[in-house]
C-alpha cells in the first residue's frame, strides 16, 4: 500500500519533511570555536615581549628551531618563555643545545634595553664557546606614526622579526 504526500499532509500529528537546512546550531558551534581561538591565541605567544629595533640588512638564518634569549628593557633575561637568572644563562643554553653545537642562539633585545646589557650577554655566550649567535631585529622601514602592513620583499609579513647574523670572530 503506497502513500502519497497528500495523505500525510492532511492527517493531524504528521509533519511534512523540511527541505531547508537549519544552520542555527552550526552558527552557534562556529561562534563558540571562534571565541575559544580568540582567547587562546594570545596565550600561545611564548617568551618575553620585547620591542625589536629595525635593520635593513636582516635576513633569515637556519630553519632549525633556534634557542631564544631575550633581554628586556629592564635588564631581565628570558630563555624561551622562562625568565632566568643571568648567572645560569650559559649553563641553560648549553643544556638546550644538547649534542648540536652548531645550533643558533637568537638574541632578542628590547630597543630600549641598555646596549651594555646586550654586549654583556653576547660576551658571556661567546667566551663560553657558543659562537653561532644572531641578533634578532625587525626588517623593513616604518614611517613615523604608521603601523606596518603588507609583505616585505622576501614574502614575509612586514614587521616580522628576522635574525641578523653577527660577524664572526677574527681569525676563525
Protein backbone atom coordinates (compact mmCIF):
# COMPACT_ATOMS: atom_id res chain seq x y z
CA UNK A 1 0.00 0.00 0.00
CA UNK A 2 1.62 3.23 -1.15
CA UNK A 3 1.03 6.60 0.42
CA UNK A 4 1.17 9.81 -1.50
CA UNK A 5 2.47 13.05 0.06
CA UNK A 6 -1.09 14.36 0.18
CA UNK A 7 -2.13 11.52 2.50
CA UNK A 8 0.29 12.71 5.24
CA UNK A 9 -0.31 16.44 4.90
CA UNK A 10 -3.96 16.26 5.85
CA UNK A 11 -3.61 14.00 8.91
CA UNK A 12 -3.08 15.56 12.34
CA UNK A 13 0.17 14.56 14.12
CA UNK A 14 2.13 14.04 10.92
CA UNK A 15 4.74 16.58 9.89
CA UNK A 16 5.88 17.32 6.42
CA UNK A 17 9.59 16.83 5.82
CA UNK A 18 11.55 20.05 5.98
CA UNK A 19 13.52 20.80 2.82
CA UNK A 20 15.72 23.51 4.36
CA UNK A 21 18.87 23.02 6.42
CA UNK A 22 18.72 24.54 9.87
CA UNK A 23 22.04 26.43 10.21
CA UNK A 24 21.42 27.89 13.67
CA UNK A 25 23.23 25.08 15.54
CA UNK A 26 26.13 25.30 13.06
CA UNK A 27 26.44 29.05 13.65
CA UNK A 28 26.36 28.51 17.43
CA UNK A 29 29.17 25.95 17.28
CA UNK A 30 31.28 28.15 14.99
CA UNK A 31 30.89 31.17 17.28
CA UNK A 32 31.96 29.12 20.30
CA UNK A 33 35.04 27.88 18.39
CA UNK A 34 35.86 31.43 17.29
CA UNK A 35 35.73 32.67 20.89
CA UNK A 36 37.93 29.79 22.07
CA UNK A 37 40.56 30.58 19.44
CA UNK A 38 40.41 34.31 20.16
CA UNK A 39 41.05 33.67 23.85
CA UNK A 40 43.81 31.08 23.42
CA UNK A 41 45.76 32.69 20.53
CA UNK A 42 47.43 35.40 22.67
CA UNK A 43 48.42 32.74 25.23
CA UNK A 44 50.37 30.81 22.60
CA UNK A 45 52.87 33.63 22.08
CA UNK A 46 55.91 32.44 24.01
CA UNK A 47 58.66 34.47 25.55
CA UNK A 48 59.18 37.94 26.88
CA UNK A 49 57.59 40.82 24.96
CA UNK A 50 60.34 42.99 23.52
CA UNK A 51 60.15 45.90 21.09
CA UNK A 52 62.69 44.99 18.38
CA UNK A 53 64.82 47.63 16.64
CA UNK A 54 64.83 48.00 12.82
CA UNK A 55 67.56 46.69 10.47
CA UNK A 56 67.61 46.85 6.65
CA UNK A 57 70.20 44.08 6.15
CA UNK A 58 68.41 41.48 8.30
CA UNK A 59 67.89 38.11 6.64
CA UNK A 60 66.58 34.75 7.86
CA UNK A 61 69.04 32.11 9.04
CA UNK A 62 68.99 28.36 9.63
CA UNK A 63 65.47 26.86 9.59
CA UNK A 64 66.21 24.73 12.70
CA UNK A 65 64.42 25.75 15.86
CA UNK A 66 66.67 28.39 17.47
CA UNK A 67 67.38 28.91 21.14
CA UNK A 68 65.90 32.30 22.00
CA UNK A 69 67.48 34.52 24.66
CA UNK A 70 65.58 37.76 25.32
CA UNK A 71 66.85 40.86 27.12
CA UNK A 72 64.06 43.09 28.42
CA UNK A 73 64.27 46.85 28.73
CA UNK A 74 64.55 46.37 32.50
CA UNK A 75 67.59 44.07 32.01
CA UNK A 76 65.85 40.81 32.87
CA UNK A 77 66.79 37.71 30.86
CA UNK A 78 64.50 35.05 29.47
CA UNK A 79 65.36 31.76 27.79
CA UNK A 80 62.38 30.97 25.59
CA UNK A 81 59.30 31.75 27.67
CA UNK A 82 61.04 31.18 31.01
CA UNK A 83 62.67 34.03 32.95
CA UNK A 84 66.17 33.07 34.14
CA UNK A 85 68.95 34.30 36.36
CA UNK A 86 71.89 35.82 34.40
CA UNK A 87 74.33 33.55 36.26
CA UNK A 88 72.59 30.45 34.83
CA UNK A 89 72.49 31.69 31.23
CA UNK A 90 75.40 29.73 29.73
CA UNK A 91 74.59 26.52 31.57
CA UNK A 92 70.93 26.58 30.45
CA UNK A 93 71.80 27.46 26.84
CA UNK A 94 74.33 24.61 26.65
CA UNK A 95 71.74 22.27 28.16
CA UNK A 96 69.24 23.28 25.44
CA UNK A 97 71.88 22.87 22.72
CA UNK A 98 72.49 19.26 23.69
CA UNK A 99 74.64 17.46 21.09
CA UNK A 100 74.30 20.16 18.41
CA UNK A 101 76.98 22.84 18.99
CA UNK A 102 76.07 24.48 15.66
CA UNK A 103 72.57 25.33 16.85
CA UNK A 104 71.83 29.04 16.52
CA UNK A 105 71.12 31.24 19.53
CA UNK A 106 68.81 34.17 18.75
CA UNK A 107 69.40 37.18 20.96
CA UNK A 108 66.29 39.35 21.15
CA UNK A 109 66.85 42.67 22.86
CA UNK A 110 64.28 45.36 23.50
CA UNK A 111 65.22 48.54 21.65
CA UNK A 112 65.09 50.37 24.98
CA UNK A 113 67.44 47.87 26.67
CA UNK A 114 70.89 49.17 27.58
CA UNK A 115 73.50 48.46 24.92
CA UNK A 116 75.89 47.28 27.63
CA UNK A 117 73.46 44.57 28.72
CA UNK A 118 73.24 43.23 25.17
CA UNK A 119 77.03 43.21 24.81
CA UNK A 120 77.40 41.52 28.20
CA UNK A 121 75.07 38.69 27.13
CA UNK A 122 76.88 38.34 23.76
CA UNK A 123 80.25 38.29 25.51
CA UNK A 124 79.11 35.77 28.12
CA UNK A 125 77.88 33.38 25.42
CA UNK A 126 80.92 33.84 23.13
CA UNK A 127 83.52 33.37 25.88
CA UNK A 128 81.88 30.06 26.83
CA UNK A 129 82.12 28.55 23.36
CA UNK A 130 78.71 29.46 21.96
CA UNK A 131 79.64 31.04 18.64
CA UNK A 132 76.51 30.79 16.50
CA UNK A 133 74.68 33.86 17.79
CA UNK A 134 72.25 36.03 15.83
CA UNK A 135 70.74 39.33 16.95
CA UNK A 136 67.03 39.46 16.09
CA UNK A 137 65.68 42.70 14.60
CA UNK A 138 62.58 43.75 12.71
CA UNK A 139 63.09 44.03 8.98
CA UNK A 140 61.71 46.86 6.89
CA UNK A 141 61.30 50.56 7.43
CA UNK A 142 58.39 52.09 9.33
CA UNK A 143 57.09 55.59 8.80
CA UNK A 144 56.53 57.54 12.00
CA UNK A 145 53.01 57.04 13.32
CA UNK A 146 52.06 54.44 10.68
CA UNK A 147 51.68 50.77 11.51
CA UNK A 148 53.29 48.31 9.10
CA UNK A 149 51.09 46.33 6.75
CA UNK A 150 51.54 44.05 3.78
CA UNK A 151 54.53 41.93 3.00
CA UNK A 152 58.22 42.65 2.64
CA UNK A 153 60.30 41.79 -0.43
CA UNK A 154 61.09 38.34 0.98
CA UNK A 155 57.39 37.43 1.12
CA UNK A 156 57.27 37.55 4.92
CA UNK A 157 54.79 39.86 6.61
CA UNK A 158 56.24 43.33 7.10
CA UNK A 159 57.46 43.73 10.67
CA UNK A 160 58.09 40.02 11.12
CA UNK A 161 61.24 39.52 13.15
CA UNK A 162 64.20 38.10 11.33
CA UNK A 163 67.63 37.43 12.77
CA UNK A 164 70.64 39.41 11.63
CA UNK A 165 73.88 37.42 11.70
CA UNK A 166 76.68 38.51 13.98
CA UNK A 167 80.10 38.95 12.39
CA UNK A 168 82.46 36.02 13.10
CA UNK A 169 85.43 36.48 15.37
CA UNK A 170 88.67 37.50 13.64
CA UNK A 171 90.94 34.56 12.85
CA UNK A 172 88.13 31.97 12.57
